[in-house]
Amino acid sequence: MIAVAVVLGATITAYTADLTSDTQPTAPAIEASDDPVAALDDGERAVVITLTAGDAVRTSHLYVVGSKPLDVGGRPGESSTPANDEYASRREKFTESSGDNPPQVGIGDTWEAGETVYVDPERSVDGVTISIYWTSDPVEGINPGTPRGDAAYELVTVEIGSTTQLRPGDAGVTPTFNPVASLPRV
């Protein structure tokens, strides 16, 4: 009887330990600035997206999609690999790079609180919707990256409001944020 109790106890402990290993970390908090920065193209703007709190996220598991083609990268005008809509695609992985260059977002292997990425949609930011997703396995390929894994989760969606004309210093952007939700891959 004691032997049965010991075996049963060990089985329950092993099963419970296995369940806790699949627990997801707290979702990161992500913000979009209400003041887009000047893009590389004359008169265009790029959206500023910052991880503000929460656990670090492996950049190889992140991708961004938009309601129109976009490019993710470093700060336009200051980064050697800026976001530039000339290279826009329907889906971009965070670790995208050309040749042997480091990823163009310039934030390393993990996206840490306080780090910022820039998204430059084709033409104007007016009316664009941008979503960032996490997937359970690294995203493969470039332009567009291909999500892998059993699950993809939306981390944030930013909807940029329309204005008649965006000029340096104009806000013209109304970010809205959705809670983390399990979604099919895009």
N, C-alpha and C. Protein backbone atom coordinates (compact mmCIF):
# COMPACT_ATOMS: atom_id res chain seq x y z
N MET A 1 0.81 -1.18 0.00
CA MET A 1 0.00 0.00 0.00
C MET A 1 0.87 1.26 0.00
N ILE A 2 1.94 1.25 0.81
CA ILE A 2 2.85 2.40 0.87
C ILE A 2 3.55 2.57 -0.48
N ALA A 3 3.94 1.47 -1.11
CA ALA A 3 4.60 1.53 -2.41
C ALA A 3 3.68 2.16 -3.45
N VAL A 4 2.40 1.83 -3.44
CA VAL A 4 1.43 2.41 -4.37
C VAL A 4 1.31 3.91 -4.13
N ALA A 5 1.26 4.33 -2.88
CA ALA A 5 1.16 5.75 -2.55
C ALA A 5 2.40 6.51 -3.01
N VAL A 6 3.58 5.92 -2.86
CA VAL A 6 4.83 6.56 -3.29
C VAL A 6 4.84 6.71 -4.81
N VAL A 7 4.48 5.66 -5.54
CA VAL A 7 4.45 5.71 -7.01
C VAL A 7 3.42 6.73 -7.47
N LEU A 8 2.24 6.72 -6.88
CA LEU A 8 1.19 7.67 -7.24
C LEU A 8 1.64 9.11 -6.94
N GLY A 9 2.26 9.33 -5.80
CA GLY A 9 2.76 10.66 -5.44
C GLY A 9 3.82 11.14 -6.42
N ALA A 10 4.72 10.27 -6.82
CA ALA A 10 5.77 10.64 -7.78
C ALA A 10 5.17 10.97 -9.13
N THR A 11 4.16 10.22 -9.55
CA THR A 11 3.50 10.46 -10.83
C THR A 11 2.80 11.82 -10.83
N ILE A 12 2.08 12.12 -9.77
CA ILE A 12 1.37 13.41 -9.67
C ILE A 12 2.36 14.56 -9.64
N THR A 13 3.46 14.41 -8.90
CA THR A 13 4.49 15.45 -8.84
C THR A 13 5.09 15.69 -10.22
N ALA A 14 5.43 14.64 -10.95
CA ALA A 14 6.02 14.78 -12.28
C ALA A 14 5.03 15.45 -13.23
N TYR A 15 3.76 15.06 -13.18
CA TYR A 15 2.74 15.65 -14.03
C TYR A 15 2.56 17.14 -13.71
N THR A 16 2.48 17.48 -12.45
CA THR A 16 2.31 18.87 -12.02
C THR A 16 3.51 19.71 -12.44
N ALA A 17 4.71 19.20 -12.28
CA ALA A 17 5.92 19.92 -12.69
C ALA A 17 5.91 20.17 -14.19
N ASP A 18 5.41 19.20 -14.97
CA ASP A 18 5.34 19.35 -16.41
C ASP A 18 4.34 20.45 -16.79
N LEU A 19 3.24 20.55 -16.08
CA LEU A 19 2.25 21.59 -16.36
C LEU A 19 2.80 22.98 -16.10
N THR A 20 3.55 23.15 -15.04
CA THR A 20 4.07 24.48 -14.71
C THR A 20 5.13 24.94 -15.70
N SER A 21 5.81 24.02 -16.38
CA SER A 21 6.84 24.43 -17.33
C SER A 21 6.25 25.06 -18.58
N ASP A 22 4.96 24.82 -18.86
CA ASP A 22 4.32 25.39 -20.04
C ASP A 22 3.64 26.73 -19.77
N THR A 23 3.75 27.23 -18.55
CA THR A 23 3.10 28.49 -18.20
C THR A 23 3.77 29.63 -18.95
N GLN A 24 2.96 30.48 -19.58
CA GLN A 24 3.48 31.62 -20.33
C GLN A 24 3.88 32.74 -19.38
N PRO A 25 4.94 33.48 -19.69
CA PRO A 25 5.32 34.62 -18.88
C PRO A 25 4.29 35.74 -19.04
N THR A 26 4.36 36.72 -18.16
CA THR A 26 3.47 37.88 -18.25
C THR A 26 3.69 38.57 -19.59
N ALA A 27 2.61 38.96 -20.22
CA ALA A 27 2.71 39.62 -21.52
C ALA A 27 3.46 40.93 -21.37
N PRO A 28 4.31 41.26 -22.34
CA PRO A 28 5.02 42.53 -22.28
C PRO A 28 4.07 43.69 -22.54
N ALA A 29 4.39 44.84 -21.99
CA ALA A 29 3.62 46.06 -22.25
C ALA A 29 4.32 46.82 -23.36
N ILE A 30 3.58 47.15 -24.40
CA ILE A 30 4.15 47.81 -25.56
C ILE A 30 3.37 49.09 -25.81
N GLU A 31 4.08 50.17 -26.13
CA GLU A 31 3.44 51.45 -26.40
C GLU A 31 3.85 51.96 -27.77
N ALA A 32 2.95 52.70 -28.39
CA ALA A 32 3.28 53.42 -29.61
C ALA A 32 3.19 54.90 -29.30
N SER A 33 4.15 55.65 -29.77
CA SER A 33 4.17 57.09 -29.52
C SER A 33 3.05 57.76 -30.31
N ASP A 34 2.51 58.84 -29.75
CA ASP A 34 1.51 59.60 -30.49
C ASP A 34 2.17 60.68 -31.34
N ASP A 35 3.49 60.61 -31.49
CA ASP A 35 4.22 61.57 -32.30
C ASP A 35 5.20 60.82 -33.20
N PRO A 36 4.77 60.43 -34.41
CA PRO A 36 5.67 59.71 -35.30
C PRO A 36 6.89 60.55 -35.65
N VAL A 37 7.98 59.89 -35.98
CA VAL A 37 9.22 60.59 -36.35
C VAL A 37 9.31 60.70 -37.86
N ALA A 38 10.14 61.62 -38.32
CA ALA A 38 10.34 61.77 -39.76
C ALA A 38 10.92 60.50 -40.34
N ALA A 39 10.37 60.05 -41.45
CA ALA A 39 10.89 58.88 -42.15
C ALA A 39 11.95 59.33 -43.14
N LEU A 40 12.56 58.38 -43.83
CA LEU A 40 13.60 58.72 -44.80
C LEU A 40 13.04 59.44 -46.01
N ASP A 41 11.78 59.16 -46.33
CA ASP A 41 11.14 59.77 -47.49
C ASP A 41 10.66 61.17 -47.13
N ASP A 42 10.76 62.08 -48.07
CA ASP A 42 10.37 63.47 -47.83
C ASP A 42 8.91 63.57 -47.41
N GLY A 43 8.67 64.12 -46.23
CA GLY A 43 7.32 64.36 -45.75
C GLY A 43 6.62 63.18 -45.13
N GLU A 44 7.22 62.01 -45.13
CA GLU A 44 6.58 60.84 -44.53
C GLU A 44 7.00 60.67 -43.09
N ARG A 45 6.27 59.81 -42.36
CA ARG A 45 6.54 59.60 -40.94
C ARG A 45 6.66 58.10 -40.67
N ALA A 46 7.38 57.76 -39.61
CA ALA A 46 7.52 56.37 -39.15
C ALA A 46 6.94 56.28 -37.74
N VAL A 47 6.31 55.15 -37.42
CA VAL A 47 5.67 54.94 -36.12
C VAL A 47 6.72 54.43 -35.13
N VAL A 48 6.70 54.99 -33.92
CA VAL A 48 7.63 54.65 -32.85
C VAL A 48 6.95 53.65 -31.92
N ILE A 49 7.54 52.46 -31.72
CA ILE A 49 6.95 51.43 -30.85
C ILE A 49 8.00 51.02 -29.83
N THR A 50 7.66 51.14 -28.53
CA THR A 50 8.60 50.89 -27.44
C THR A 50 8.06 49.82 -26.50
N LEU A 51 8.92 48.88 -26.12
CA LEU A 51 8.59 47.92 -25.06
C LEU A 51 8.77 48.67 -23.75
N THR A 52 7.70 48.87 -23.01
CA THR A 52 7.77 49.71 -21.81
C THR A 52 7.90 48.93 -20.52
N ALA A 53 7.46 47.68 -20.48
CA ALA A 53 7.52 46.89 -19.25
C ALA A 53 7.33 45.42 -19.58
N GLY A 54 7.59 44.58 -18.60
CA GLY A 54 7.39 43.15 -18.78
C GLY A 54 8.69 42.43 -19.08
N ASP A 55 8.57 41.14 -19.28
CA ASP A 55 9.73 40.31 -19.56
C ASP A 55 10.32 40.64 -20.92
N ALA A 56 11.62 40.42 -21.06
CA ALA A 56 12.27 40.56 -22.36
C ALA A 56 11.69 39.52 -23.30
N VAL A 57 11.64 39.85 -24.58
CA VAL A 57 11.07 38.97 -25.59
C VAL A 57 12.15 38.66 -26.62
N ARG A 58 12.34 37.38 -26.96
CA ARG A 58 13.33 37.01 -27.98
C ARG A 58 12.91 37.58 -29.34
N THR A 59 13.76 38.38 -29.95
CA THR A 59 13.41 39.02 -31.21
C THR A 59 13.21 38.02 -32.34
N SER A 60 13.84 36.86 -32.26
CA SER A 60 13.69 35.86 -33.32
C SER A 60 12.27 35.29 -33.36
N HIS A 61 11.47 35.54 -32.33
CA HIS A 61 10.09 35.04 -32.26
C HIS A 61 9.06 36.12 -32.57
N LEU A 62 9.49 37.29 -33.00
CA LEU A 62 8.58 38.41 -33.23
C LEU A 62 8.46 38.75 -34.71
N TYR A 63 7.25 39.12 -35.11
CA TYR A 63 7.05 39.66 -36.45
C TYR A 63 5.97 40.73 -36.40
N VAL A 64 5.95 41.58 -37.41
CA VAL A 64 5.02 42.70 -37.47
C VAL A 64 4.29 42.64 -38.81
N VAL A 65 2.99 42.94 -38.79
CA VAL A 65 2.19 43.01 -40.00
C VAL A 65 1.43 44.32 -39.99
N GLY A 66 0.99 44.74 -41.16
CA GLY A 66 0.24 45.98 -41.25
C GLY A 66 -0.90 45.88 -42.22
N SER A 67 -1.77 46.87 -42.18
CA SER A 67 -2.88 46.93 -43.12
C SER A 67 -2.38 47.31 -44.52
N LYS A 68 -1.14 47.74 -44.60
CA LYS A 68 -0.46 47.94 -45.87
C LYS A 68 1.00 47.56 -45.66
N PRO A 69 1.76 47.31 -46.74
CA PRO A 69 3.16 46.90 -46.57
C PRO A 69 3.93 47.90 -45.71
N LEU A 70 4.89 47.37 -44.94
CA LEU A 70 5.68 48.20 -44.03
C LEU A 70 7.07 47.61 -43.87
N ASP A 71 7.95 48.40 -43.27
CA ASP A 71 9.31 47.95 -42.97
C ASP A 71 9.60 48.27 -41.51
N VAL A 72 10.23 47.33 -40.81
CA VAL A 72 10.62 47.53 -39.42
C VAL A 72 12.13 47.72 -39.38
N GLY A 73 12.60 48.62 -38.53
CA GLY A 73 14.04 48.86 -38.45
C GLY A 73 14.39 49.83 -37.34
N GLY A 74 15.58 50.39 -37.47
CA GLY A 74 16.05 51.37 -36.51
C GLY A 74 15.48 52.75 -36.81
N ARG A 75 15.87 53.73 -36.00
CA ARG A 75 15.35 55.10 -36.15
C ARG A 75 15.81 55.71 -37.47
N PRO A 76 14.87 56.16 -38.31
CA PRO A 76 15.25 56.80 -39.57
C PRO A 76 16.14 58.02 -39.32
N GLY A 77 17.19 58.13 -40.11
CA GLY A 77 18.11 59.25 -39.99
C GLY A 77 19.20 59.08 -38.97
N GLU A 78 19.08 58.09 -38.07
CA GLU A 78 20.09 57.88 -37.03
C GLU A 78 20.67 56.48 -37.04
N SER A 79 19.97 55.52 -37.60
CA SER A 79 20.41 54.13 -37.60
C SER A 79 21.07 53.78 -38.93
N SER A 80 22.02 52.85 -38.89
CA SER A 80 22.62 52.38 -40.15
C SER A 80 21.66 51.45 -40.89
N THR A 81 20.63 50.96 -40.19
CA THR A 81 19.61 50.10 -40.81
C THR A 81 18.22 50.60 -40.42
N PRO A 82 17.83 51.79 -40.93
CA PRO A 82 16.56 52.38 -40.51
C PRO A 82 15.35 51.70 -41.17
N ALA A 83 14.19 51.87 -40.54
CA ALA A 83 12.94 51.47 -41.18
C ALA A 83 12.81 52.31 -42.45
N ASN A 84 12.50 51.66 -43.57
CA ASN A 84 12.45 52.35 -44.85
C ASN A 84 11.42 51.66 -45.72
N ASP A 85 10.33 52.37 -46.05
CA ASP A 85 9.25 51.73 -46.80
C ASP A 85 9.65 51.29 -48.20
N GLU A 86 10.83 51.68 -48.65
CA GLU A 86 11.34 51.19 -49.94
C GLU A 86 11.50 49.66 -49.90
N TYR A 87 11.67 49.10 -48.69
CA TYR A 87 11.85 47.66 -48.52
C TYR A 87 10.65 47.02 -47.81
N ALA A 88 9.49 47.65 -47.93
CA ALA A 88 8.29 47.19 -47.23
C ALA A 88 7.80 45.85 -47.76
N SER A 89 7.22 45.07 -46.85
CA SER A 89 6.56 43.82 -47.22
C SER A 89 5.33 43.65 -46.34
N ARG A 90 4.52 42.64 -46.63
CA ARG A 90 3.28 42.46 -45.87
C ARG A 90 3.52 41.94 -44.47
N ARG A 91 4.69 41.30 -44.24
CA ARG A 91 5.03 40.79 -42.91
C ARG A 91 6.55 40.91 -42.77
N GLU A 92 7.01 41.41 -41.63
CA GLU A 92 8.44 41.59 -41.38
C GLU A 92 8.82 40.90 -40.08
N LYS A 93 9.91 40.18 -40.11
CA LYS A 93 10.39 39.60 -38.85
C LYS A 93 11.36 40.58 -38.20
N PHE A 94 11.41 40.58 -36.88
CA PHE A 94 12.24 41.52 -36.14
C PHE A 94 13.73 41.30 -36.39
N THR A 95 14.14 40.09 -36.71
CA THR A 95 15.57 39.81 -36.90
C THR A 95 15.99 39.90 -38.36
N GLU A 96 15.17 40.51 -39.19
CA GLU A 96 15.51 40.67 -40.60
C GLU A 96 16.81 41.46 -40.74
N SER A 97 17.66 41.01 -41.65
CA SER A 97 18.90 41.73 -41.95
C SER A 97 19.32 41.39 -43.36
N SER A 98 20.23 42.17 -43.88
CA SER A 98 20.75 41.88 -45.22
C SER A 98 22.17 41.36 -45.08
N GLY A 99 22.46 40.28 -45.80
CA GLY A 99 23.79 39.69 -45.75
C GLY A 99 24.18 39.27 -44.35
N ASP A 100 25.42 39.60 -43.97
CA ASP A 100 25.92 39.25 -42.64
C ASP A 100 25.73 40.39 -41.63
N ASN A 101 24.93 41.37 -41.98
CA ASN A 101 24.69 42.50 -41.08
C ASN A 101 23.83 42.08 -39.90
N PRO A 102 23.94 42.81 -38.77
CA PRO A 102 23.06 42.51 -37.63
C PRO A 102 21.62 42.88 -37.97
N PRO A 103 20.65 42.39 -37.20
CA PRO A 103 19.24 42.72 -37.46
C PRO A 103 19.03 44.23 -37.52
N GLN A 104 18.20 44.66 -38.47
CA GLN A 104 18.03 46.09 -38.71
C GLN A 104 17.30 46.82 -37.59
N VAL A 105 16.57 46.11 -36.71
CA VAL A 105 15.92 46.82 -35.60
C VAL A 105 16.94 47.31 -34.59
N GLY A 106 18.13 46.70 -34.56
CA GLY A 106 19.22 47.18 -33.71
C GLY A 106 19.02 47.00 -32.23
N ILE A 107 18.25 45.98 -31.81
CA ILE A 107 18.02 45.79 -30.38
C ILE A 107 18.57 44.48 -29.83
N GLY A 108 19.25 43.71 -30.63
CA GLY A 108 19.89 42.49 -30.14
C GLY A 108 18.98 41.27 -30.14
N ASP A 109 19.38 40.25 -29.37
CA ASP A 109 18.67 38.98 -29.34
C ASP A 109 17.34 39.05 -28.60
N THR A 110 17.20 40.03 -27.70
CA THR A 110 15.95 40.19 -26.96
C THR A 110 15.51 41.65 -27.02
N TRP A 111 14.20 41.84 -26.97
CA TRP A 111 13.62 43.18 -26.91
C TRP A 111 13.39 43.46 -25.44
N GLU A 112 14.16 44.38 -24.88
CA GLU A 112 14.14 44.70 -23.46
C GLU A 112 13.30 45.95 -23.22
N ALA A 113 12.76 46.08 -22.01
CA ALA A 113 12.00 47.27 -21.64
C ALA A 113 12.84 48.52 -21.90
N GLY A 114 12.24 49.51 -22.52
CA GLY A 114 12.93 50.75 -22.85
C GLY A 114 13.47 50.80 -24.27
N GLU A 115 13.52 49.65 -24.95
CA GLU A 115 14.04 49.63 -26.32
C GLU A 115 12.91 49.91 -27.32
N THR A 116 13.28 50.58 -28.41
CA THR A 116 12.32 51.07 -29.39
C THR A 116 12.63 50.53 -30.78
N VAL A 117 11.57 50.22 -31.52
CA VAL A 117 11.68 49.88 -32.94
C VAL A 117 10.84 50.89 -33.71
N TYR A 118 11.10 51.00 -34.99
CA TYR A 118 10.41 51.96 -35.84
C TYR A 118 9.79 51.21 -37.00
N VAL A 119 8.57 51.61 -37.37
CA VAL A 119 7.85 50.97 -38.46
C VAL A 119 7.47 52.04 -39.47
N ASP A 120 7.89 51.84 -40.72
CA ASP A 120 7.62 52.79 -41.79
C ASP A 120 6.69 52.12 -42.80
N PRO A 121 5.38 52.48 -42.76
CA PRO A 121 4.45 51.91 -43.74
C PRO A 121 4.63 52.59 -45.10
N GLU A 122 4.23 51.89 -46.16
CA GLU A 122 4.28 52.48 -47.49
C GLU A 122 3.51 53.79 -47.50
N ARG A 123 4.09 54.78 -48.13
CA ARG A 123 3.51 56.11 -48.24
C ARG A 123 3.25 56.72 -46.87
N SER A 124 2.03 56.97 -46.51
CA SER A 124 1.69 57.71 -45.29
C SER A 124 1.32 56.78 -44.13
N VAL A 125 1.48 57.28 -42.90
CA VAL A 125 1.04 56.53 -41.71
C VAL A 125 -0.47 56.65 -41.53
N ASP A 126 -1.11 57.58 -42.23
CA ASP A 126 -2.55 57.81 -42.07
C ASP A 126 -3.34 56.53 -42.30
N GLY A 127 -4.15 56.17 -41.32
CA GLY A 127 -5.07 55.05 -41.45
C GLY A 127 -4.46 53.66 -41.39
N VAL A 128 -3.18 53.54 -41.09
CA VAL A 128 -2.54 52.22 -41.05
C VAL A 128 -2.80 51.54 -39.70
N THR A 129 -2.94 50.23 -39.74
CA THR A 129 -3.03 49.41 -38.53
C THR A 129 -1.80 48.52 -38.51
N ILE A 130 -1.08 48.51 -37.38
CA ILE A 130 0.15 47.74 -37.22
C ILE A 130 -0.03 46.79 -36.06
N SER A 131 0.29 45.51 -36.26
CA SER A 131 0.20 44.51 -35.19
C SER A 131 1.53 43.80 -35.04
N ILE A 132 1.93 43.57 -33.79
CA ILE A 132 3.14 42.82 -33.49
C ILE A 132 2.72 41.49 -32.87
N TYR A 133 3.31 40.41 -33.38
CA TYR A 133 2.97 39.06 -32.93
C TYR A 133 4.21 38.35 -32.39
N TRP A 134 3.98 37.44 -31.45
CA TRP A 134 4.99 36.52 -30.94
C TRP A 134 4.55 35.13 -31.40
N THR A 135 5.51 34.31 -31.82
CA THR A 135 5.23 32.94 -32.21
C THR A 135 6.12 32.00 -31.42
N SER A 136 5.65 30.77 -31.20
CA SER A 136 6.34 29.84 -30.30
C SER A 136 7.70 29.36 -30.83
N ASP A 137 7.94 29.43 -32.11
CA ASP A 137 9.24 29.08 -32.69
C ASP A 137 9.76 30.28 -33.48
N PRO A 138 11.07 30.34 -33.73
CA PRO A 138 11.62 31.47 -34.47
C PRO A 138 10.98 31.65 -35.85
N VAL A 139 10.82 32.90 -36.25
CA VAL A 139 10.31 33.24 -37.57
C VAL A 139 11.44 32.98 -38.56
N GLU A 140 11.12 32.37 -39.71
CA GLU A 140 12.14 32.04 -40.70
C GLU A 140 12.00 32.94 -41.92
N GLY A 141 13.08 33.05 -42.70
CA GLY A 141 13.07 33.79 -43.95
C GLY A 141 12.99 35.30 -43.75
N ILE A 142 12.95 36.01 -44.89
CA ILE A 142 12.81 37.48 -44.86
C ILE A 142 11.82 37.91 -45.94
N ASN A 143 11.27 39.06 -45.76
CA ASN A 143 10.37 39.73 -46.72
C ASN A 143 9.45 38.81 -47.50
N PRO A 144 8.44 38.24 -46.98
CA PRO A 144 8.05 38.29 -45.58
C PRO A 144 8.62 37.12 -44.80
N GLY A 145 8.81 37.28 -43.52
CA GLY A 145 9.21 36.16 -42.67
C GLY A 145 8.06 35.17 -42.57
N THR A 146 8.40 33.92 -42.27
CA THR A 146 7.39 32.87 -42.14
C THR A 146 7.29 32.43 -40.69
N PRO A 147 6.16 32.70 -40.02
CA PRO A 147 6.00 32.27 -38.63
C PRO A 147 6.02 30.76 -38.52
N ARG A 148 6.60 30.25 -37.46
CA ARG A 148 6.66 28.81 -37.18
C ARG A 148 6.16 28.57 -35.77
N GLY A 149 5.80 27.32 -35.49
CA GLY A 149 5.39 26.96 -34.14
C GLY A 149 3.91 26.68 -34.05
N ASP A 150 3.49 26.25 -32.89
CA ASP A 150 2.10 25.86 -32.66
C ASP A 150 1.19 27.03 -32.34
N ALA A 151 1.76 28.15 -31.93
CA ALA A 151 0.92 29.26 -31.48
C ALA A 151 1.51 30.60 -31.89
N ALA A 152 0.65 31.55 -32.17
CA ALA A 152 1.04 32.93 -32.39
C ALA A 152 0.12 33.79 -31.54
N TYR A 153 0.69 34.77 -30.86
CA TYR A 153 -0.08 35.65 -29.99
C TYR A 153 0.11 37.09 -30.42
N GLU A 154 -0.99 37.83 -30.50
CA GLU A 154 -0.92 39.25 -30.78
C GLU A 154 -0.48 39.95 -29.51
N LEU A 155 0.61 40.71 -29.60
CA LEU A 155 1.09 41.47 -28.44
C LEU A 155 0.48 42.86 -28.39
N VAL A 156 0.34 43.48 -29.54
CA VAL A 156 -0.21 44.84 -29.59
C VAL A 156 -0.70 45.13 -31.00
N THR A 157 -1.75 45.93 -31.09
CA THR A 157 -2.21 46.48 -32.36
C THR A 157 -2.29 47.98 -32.19
N VAL A 158 -1.73 48.70 -33.14
CA VAL A 158 -1.72 50.16 -33.12
C VAL A 158 -2.50 50.63 -34.34
N GLU A 159 -3.51 51.43 -34.11
CA GLU A 159 -4.29 52.00 -35.21
C GLU A 159 -3.96 53.48 -35.29
N ILE A 160 -3.46 53.90 -36.44
CA ILE A 160 -3.04 55.29 -36.62
C ILE A 160 -4.18 56.05 -37.27
N GLY A 161 -4.63 57.13 -36.63
CA GLY A 161 -5.75 57.92 -37.15
C GLY A 161 -5.37 58.71 -38.38
N SER A 162 -6.35 59.10 -39.14
CA SER A 162 -6.11 59.89 -40.34
C SER A 162 -6.06 61.38 -40.00
N THR A 163 -5.18 62.07 -40.68
CA THR A 163 -5.12 63.52 -40.58
C THR A 163 -5.01 64.04 -42.00
N THR A 164 -5.28 65.31 -42.20
CA THR A 164 -5.20 65.84 -43.55
C THR A 164 -3.76 65.95 -44.02
N GLN A 165 -2.86 66.32 -43.13
CA GLN A 165 -1.45 66.41 -43.49
C GLN A 165 -0.62 66.28 -42.22
N LEU A 166 0.35 65.40 -42.25
CA LEU A 166 1.26 65.26 -41.10
C LEU A 166 2.49 66.10 -41.36
N ARG A 167 2.82 66.93 -40.38
CA ARG A 167 4.03 67.74 -40.46
C ARG A 167 4.85 67.50 -39.21
N PRO A 168 6.15 67.80 -39.22
CA PRO A 168 6.94 67.65 -38.01
C PRO A 168 6.27 68.39 -36.85
N GLY A 169 6.11 67.69 -35.73
CA GLY A 169 5.48 68.27 -34.56
C GLY A 169 3.99 67.97 -34.43
N ASP A 170 3.34 67.53 -35.53
CA ASP A 170 1.92 67.16 -35.45
C ASP A 170 1.79 65.82 -34.74
N ALA A 171 0.77 65.70 -33.90
CA ALA A 171 0.51 64.40 -33.27
C ALA A 171 -0.19 63.53 -34.31
N GLY A 172 -1.47 63.75 -34.55
CA GLY A 172 -2.18 63.06 -35.61
C GLY A 172 -2.25 61.55 -35.48
N VAL A 173 -1.92 61.02 -34.33
CA VAL A 173 -1.89 59.57 -34.18
C VAL A 173 -2.64 59.20 -32.91
N THR A 174 -3.51 58.23 -33.01
CA THR A 174 -4.23 57.75 -31.84
C THR A 174 -3.97 56.27 -31.67
N PRO A 175 -3.01 55.87 -30.81
CA PRO A 175 -2.75 54.45 -30.64
C PRO A 175 -3.85 53.80 -29.80
N THR A 176 -4.22 52.59 -30.17
CA THR A 176 -5.13 51.80 -29.35
C THR A 176 -4.47 50.46 -29.12
N PHE A 177 -4.69 49.88 -27.97
CA PHE A 177 -4.00 48.66 -27.61
C PHE A 177 -4.99 47.56 -27.29
N ASN A 178 -4.73 46.37 -27.81
CA ASN A 178 -5.56 45.21 -27.54
C ASN A 178 -4.84 44.30 -26.57
N PRO A 179 -5.57 43.60 -25.71
CA PRO A 179 -4.91 42.65 -24.82
C PRO A 179 -4.32 41.50 -25.61
N VAL A 180 -3.39 40.81 -25.00
CA VAL A 180 -2.80 39.65 -25.64
C VAL A 180 -3.90 38.64 -25.90
N ALA A 181 -3.94 38.12 -27.09
CA ALA A 181 -4.96 37.14 -27.45
C ALA A 181 -4.35 36.08 -28.35
N SER A 182 -4.84 34.88 -28.27
CA SER A 182 -4.38 33.81 -29.13
C SER A 182 -5.03 34.00 -30.49
N LEU A 183 -4.22 34.12 -31.51
CA LEU A 183 -4.73 34.36 -32.85
C LEU A 183 -4.08 33.41 -33.84
N PRO A 184 -4.72 33.16 -34.94
CA PRO A 184 -4.06 32.38 -35.98
C PRO A 184 -2.93 33.20 -36.58
N ARG A 185 -1.96 32.53 -37.16
CA ARG A 185 -0.87 33.25 -37.81
C ARG A 185 -1.39 34.01 -39.00
N VAL A 186 -0.79 35.15 -39.26
CA VAL A 186 -1.18 36.00 -40.38
C VAL A 186 -0.36 35.63 -41.58
